Amino acid sequence: MSRAAGGRFEAGTHILPIRIYFGETDKAGVLHHAQYFVFAERGRTEMLEAVLSAAGEARGFADFNYALRNASARFFAPARLNEIVHMHTSVAEVGGASLLLRQRLSRDGETLAELSIELVFIDESLKPARIPKRLRDALSALVEPPPETTEE
């Protein structure tokens, strides 16, 4: 039985559909900027739960200790009340104790925002801790290739 509540994988990227509710918007019906990070958290949690389940990990991701090391976002277009948007989550890098994720919120193929999220795994004393091998291997299999550059 899978612990993941939603979403699907397409070509190594996890895609989670999300409906925008009234309480997540301003009085003009536009998604509040802080909600992009909430949606990113939801998307990466669902992706990591699915990866753990597929890797046969007995524990859910919530049982791992981790901290957010870095988070950034670029906003391109607003999302609005009652729209269905999609949070795309892909693995950019897997280190010994850290994980870099690229996330993109889209609507009908249009990019609304891009987020970069770095997590660091920690032990009970809040010191960096190695990512367990089975999880690191499963995540490494999802690492997206770097974007192609064109030479002129």
C-alpha atoms as a PDB file:
ATOM      1  CA  MET A   1       0.000   0.000   0.000  1.00  0.00           C
ATOM      2  CA  SER A   2       1.374   3.410  -0.983  1.00  0.00           C
ATOM      3  CA  ARG A   3       1.590   6.168   1.611  1.00  0.00           C
ATOM      4  CA  ALA A   4       1.470   8.872  -1.081  1.00  0.00           C
ATOM      5  CA  ALA A   5      -1.871  10.650  -1.185  1.00  0.00           C
ATOM      6  CA  GLY A   6      -1.648  11.992  -4.677  1.00  0.00           C
ATOM      7  CA  GLY A   7       0.181  12.876  -7.796  1.00  0.00           C
ATOM      8  CA  ARG A   8       1.950  10.873 -10.442  1.00  0.00           C
ATOM      9  CA  PHE A   9       5.393  10.514 -11.996  1.00  0.00           C
ATOM     10  CA  GLU A  10       6.080  11.480 -15.604  1.00  0.00           C
ATOM     11  CA  ALA A  11       9.640  11.064 -16.892  1.00  0.00           C
ATOM     12  CA  GLY A  12      11.116  11.239 -13.382  1.00  0.00           C
ATOM     13  CA  THR A  13       9.127  14.327 -12.350  1.00  0.00           C
ATOM     14  CA  HIS A  14       6.374  14.085  -9.761  1.00  0.00           C
ATOM     15  CA  ILE A  15       3.256  16.092 -10.662  1.00  0.00           C
ATOM     16  CA  LEU A  16       0.669  16.978  -8.030  1.00  0.00           C
ATOM     17  CA  PRO A  17      -2.625  18.660  -8.963  1.00  0.00           C
ATOM     18  CA  ILE A  18      -3.789  21.318  -6.480  1.00  0.00           C
ATOM     19  CA  ARG A  19      -7.030  23.305  -6.378  1.00  0.00           C
ATOM     20  CA  ILE A  20      -6.721  26.889  -5.124  1.00  0.00           C
ATOM     21  CA  TYR A  21      -9.113  27.604  -2.259  1.00  0.00           C
ATOM     22  CA  PHE A  22     -10.542  30.890  -1.022  1.00  0.00           C
ATOM     23  CA  GLY A  23      -8.391  30.991   2.137  1.00  0.00           C
ATOM     24  CA  GLU A  24      -5.216  30.813   0.030  1.00  0.00           C
ATOM     25  CA  THR A  25      -5.960  33.974  -1.946  1.00  0.00           C
ATOM     26  CA  ASP A  26      -6.074  37.717  -1.365  1.00  0.00           C
ATOM     27  CA  LYS A  27      -9.290  39.716  -1.701  1.00  0.00           C
ATOM     28  CA  ALA A  28      -8.765  39.919  -5.471  1.00  0.00           C
ATOM     29  CA  GLY A  29      -8.765  36.120  -5.696  1.00  0.00           C
ATOM     30  CA  VAL A  30      -5.023  35.900  -6.473  1.00  0.00           C
ATOM     31  CA  LEU A  31      -2.932  33.199  -4.791  1.00  0.00           C
ATOM     32  CA  HIS A  32      -0.878  34.694  -1.946  1.00  0.00           C
ATOM     33  CA  HIS A  33       2.880  34.437  -2.557  1.00  0.00           C
ATOM     34  CA  ALA A  34       3.468  32.434   0.648  1.00  0.00           C
ATOM     35  CA  GLN A  35       1.160  29.704  -0.657  1.00  0.00           C
ATOM     36  CA  TYR A  36       3.645  28.866  -3.418  1.00  0.00           C
ATOM     37  CA  PHE A  37       5.981  27.581  -0.695  1.00  0.00           C
ATOM     38  CA  VAL A  38       3.118  25.691   0.972  1.00  0.00           C
ATOM     39  CA  PHE A  39       2.303  24.052  -2.365  1.00  0.00           C
ATOM     40  CA  ALA A  40       6.015  23.273  -2.867  1.00  0.00           C
ATOM     41  CA  GLU A  41       6.090  21.550   0.543  1.00  0.00           C
ATOM     42  CA  ARG A  42       3.009  19.541  -0.378  1.00  0.00           C
ATOM     43  CA  GLY A  43       4.492  18.541  -3.748  1.00  0.00           C
ATOM     44  CA  ARG A  44       7.858  17.455  -2.398  1.00  0.00           C
ATOM     45  CA  THR A  45       6.284  15.564   0.512  1.00  0.00           C
ATOM     46  CA  GLU A  46       4.094  13.579  -1.886  1.00  0.00           C
ATOM     47  CA  MET A  47       7.065  12.935  -4.198  1.00  0.00           C
ATOM     48  CA  LEU A  48       9.308  11.781  -1.352  1.00  0.00           C
ATOM     49  CA  GLU A  49       6.593   9.543   0.115  1.00  0.00           C
ATOM     50  CA  ALA A  50       6.137   7.912  -3.299  1.00  0.00           C
ATOM     51  CA  VAL A  51       9.903   7.392  -3.646  1.00  0.00           C
ATOM     52  CA  LEU A  52      10.110   5.873  -0.158  1.00  0.00           C
ATOM     53  CA  SER A  53       7.205   3.566  -0.859  1.00  0.00           C
ATOM     54  CA  ALA A  54       8.767   2.406  -4.149  1.00  0.00           C
ATOM     55  CA  ALA A  55      12.133   1.897  -2.405  1.00  0.00           C
ATOM     56  CA  GLY A  56      10.487  -0.335   0.206  1.00  0.00           C
ATOM     57  CA  GLU A  57      11.308   2.004   3.093  1.00  0.00           C
ATOM     58  CA  ALA A  58       9.321   0.967   6.138  1.00  0.00           C
ATOM     59  CA  ARG A  59       9.263   4.534   7.484  1.00  0.00           C
ATOM     60  CA  GLY A  60       7.542   7.484   5.876  1.00  0.00           C
ATOM     61  CA  PHE A  61       9.438  10.652   5.022  1.00  0.00           C
ATOM     62  CA  ALA A  62       8.029  12.330   8.130  1.00  0.00           C
ATOM     63  CA  ASP A  63      10.189   9.928  10.188  1.00  0.00           C
ATOM     64  CA  PHE A  64      13.378  11.426   8.733  1.00  0.00           C
ATOM     65  CA  ASN A  65      14.892  14.515  10.296  1.00  0.00           C
ATOM     66  CA  TYR A  66      15.603  17.255   7.804  1.00  0.00           C
ATOM     67  CA  ALA A  67      15.776  21.021   7.635  1.00  0.00           C
ATOM     68  CA  LEU A  68      15.292  23.534   4.884  1.00  0.00           C
ATOM     69  CA  ARG A  69      18.711  24.976   4.060  1.00  0.00           C
ATOM     70  CA  ASN A  70      17.745  27.238   1.179  1.00  0.00           C
ATOM     71  CA  ALA A  71      14.592  28.199  -0.698  1.00  0.00           C
ATOM     72  CA  SER A  72      14.071  30.605  -3.557  1.00  0.00           C
ATOM     73  CA  ALA A  73      11.271  31.389  -5.958  1.00  0.00           C
ATOM     74  CA  ARG A  74      10.743  33.300  -9.198  1.00  0.00           C
ATOM     75  CA  PHE A  75       7.184  34.323  -9.962  1.00  0.00           C
ATOM     76  CA  PHE A  76       5.955  34.704 -13.541  1.00  0.00           C
ATOM     77  CA  ALA A  77       2.150  34.821 -13.527  1.00  0.00           C
ATOM     78  CA  PRO A  78      -0.580  34.755 -10.878  1.00  0.00           C
ATOM     79  CA  ALA A  79      -2.692  31.767  -9.963  1.00  0.00           C
ATOM     80  CA  ARG A  80      -6.312  32.456  -9.082  1.00  0.00           C
ATOM     81  CA  LEU A  81      -9.149  31.198  -6.920  1.00  0.00           C
ATOM     82  CA  ASN A  82     -10.589  27.800  -7.884  1.00  0.00           C
ATOM     83  CA  GLU A  83      -7.993  27.078 -10.583  1.00  0.00           C
ATOM     84  CA  ILE A  84      -6.348  23.695 -10.782  1.00  0.00           C
ATOM     85  CA  VAL A  85      -2.572  24.113 -10.848  1.00  0.00           C
ATOM     86  CA  HIS A  86       0.177  21.482 -10.907  1.00  0.00           C
ATOM     87  CA  MET A  87       3.296  21.338  -8.744  1.00  0.00           C
ATOM     88  CA  HIS A  88       6.111  19.607 -10.663  1.00  0.00           C
ATOM     89  CA  THR A  89       8.897  18.300  -8.415  1.00  0.00           C
ATOM     90  CA  SER A  90      12.182  16.925  -9.740  1.00  0.00           C
ATOM     91  CA  VAL A  91      15.453  15.946  -8.116  1.00  0.00           C
ATOM     92  CA  ALA A  92      18.351  18.145  -9.234  1.00  0.00           C
ATOM     93  CA  GLU A  93      21.147  16.863  -6.934  1.00  0.00           C
ATOM     94  CA  VAL A  94      21.599  14.259  -4.234  1.00  0.00           C
ATOM     95  CA  GLY A  95      24.510  14.764  -1.853  1.00  0.00           C
ATOM     96  CA  GLY A  96      25.651  12.744   1.118  1.00  0.00           C
ATOM     97  CA  ALA A  97      23.379  14.672   3.480  1.00  0.00           C
ATOM     98  CA  SER A  98      21.576  17.119   1.197  1.00  0.00           C
ATOM     99  CA  LEU A  99      18.948  17.136  -1.504  1.00  0.00           C
ATOM    100  CA  LEU A 100      18.327  19.847  -4.110  1.00  0.00           C
ATOM    101  CA  LEU A 101      14.880  19.931  -5.676  1.00  0.00           C
ATOM    102  CA  ARG A 102      13.555  21.965  -8.582  1.00  0.00           C
ATOM    103  CA  GLN A 103       9.869  22.748  -8.429  1.00  0.00           C
ATOM    104  CA  ARG A 104       7.560  24.442 -10.886  1.00  0.00           C
ATOM    105  CA  LEU A 105       3.962  25.522 -10.461  1.00  0.00           C
ATOM    106  CA  SER A 106       2.029  25.453 -13.740  1.00  0.00           C
ATOM    107  CA  ARG A 107      -1.460  25.996 -15.109  1.00  0.00           C
ATOM    108  CA  ASP A 108      -2.405  24.500 -18.474  1.00  0.00           C
ATOM    109  CA  GLY A 109       1.279  24.215 -19.410  1.00  0.00           C
ATOM    110  CA  GLU A 110       2.109  27.825 -18.439  1.00  0.00           C
ATOM    111  CA  THR A 111       4.820  28.246 -15.791  1.00  0.00           C
ATOM    112  CA  LEU A 112       3.535  30.376 -12.924  1.00  0.00           C
ATOM    113  CA  ALA A 113       6.558  30.037 -10.632  1.00  0.00           C
ATOM    114  CA  GLU A 114       9.864  28.194 -10.329  1.00  0.00           C
ATOM    115  CA  LEU A 115      11.274  27.200  -6.954  1.00  0.00           C
ATOM    116  CA  SER A 116      14.607  25.813  -5.845  1.00  0.00           C
ATOM    117  CA  ILE A 117      14.575  23.987  -2.517  1.00  0.00           C
ATOM    118  CA  GLU A 118      17.575  22.545  -0.671  1.00  0.00           C
ATOM    119  CA  LEU A 119      17.006  20.129   2.206  1.00  0.00           C
ATOM    120  CA  VAL A 120      19.670  18.845   4.576  1.00  0.00           C
ATOM    121  CA  PHE A 121      19.178  15.650   6.538  1.00  0.00           C
ATOM    122  CA  ILE A 122      20.011  15.985  10.246  1.00  0.00           C
ATOM    123  CA  ASP A 123      20.323  13.778  13.308  1.00  0.00           C
ATOM    124  CA  GLU A 124      18.622  14.278  16.667  1.00  0.00           C
ATOM    125  CA  SER A 125      21.294  16.810  17.708  1.00  0.00           C
ATOM    126  CA  LEU A 126      20.591  18.845  14.537  1.00  0.00           C
ATOM    127  CA  LYS A 127      23.934  17.966  12.927  1.00  0.00           C
ATOM    128  CA  PRO A 128      24.093  16.909   9.247  1.00  0.00           C
ATOM    129  CA  ALA A 129      23.395  13.199   8.788  1.00  0.00           C
ATOM    130  CA  ARG A 130      23.870  10.995   5.740  1.00  0.00           C
ATOM    131  CA  ILE A 131      20.814  10.175   3.663  1.00  0.00           C
ATOM    132  CA  PRO A 132      20.090   6.450   4.132  1.00  0.00           C
ATOM    133  CA  LYS A 133      21.546   4.471   1.219  1.00  0.00           C
ATOM    134  CA  ARG A 134      18.265   3.018  -0.110  1.00  0.00           C
ATOM    135  CA  LEU A 135      16.673   6.465  -0.146  1.00  0.00           C
ATOM    136  CA  ARG A 136      19.783   8.095  -1.658  1.00  0.00           C
ATOM    137  CA  ASP A 137      19.894   5.439  -4.397  1.00  0.00           C
ATOM    138  CA  ALA A 138      16.185   5.868  -5.187  1.00  0.00           C
ATOM    139  CA  LEU A 139      16.521   9.661  -5.314  1.00  0.00           C
ATOM    140  CA  SER A 140      19.714   9.495  -7.404  1.00  0.00           C
ATOM    141  CA  ALA A 141      17.840   7.457 -10.022  1.00  0.00           C
ATOM    142  CA  LEU A 142      15.509  10.464 -10.465  1.00  0.00           C
ATOM    143  CA  VAL A 143      18.178  13.148 -10.914  1.00  0.00           C
ATOM    144  CA  GLU A 144      17.271  15.275 -13.897  1.00  0.00           C
ATOM    145  CA  PRO A 145      20.001  15.950 -16.448  1.00  0.00           C
ATOM    146  CA  PRO A 146      21.351  19.508 -16.430  1.00  0.00           C
ATOM    147  CA  PRO A 147      19.702  21.841 -18.968  1.00  0.00           C
ATOM    148  CA  GLU A 148      21.313  21.758 -22.387  1.00  0.00           C
ATOM    149  CA  THR A 149      23.262  24.800 -23.430  1.00  0.00           C
ATOM    150  CA  THR A 150      23.751  25.874 -26.997  1.00  0.00           C
ATOM    151  CA  GLU A 151      27.091  27.090 -28.199  1.00  0.00           C
ATOM    152  CA  GLU A 152      27.173  29.934 -30.671  1.00  0.00           C
END
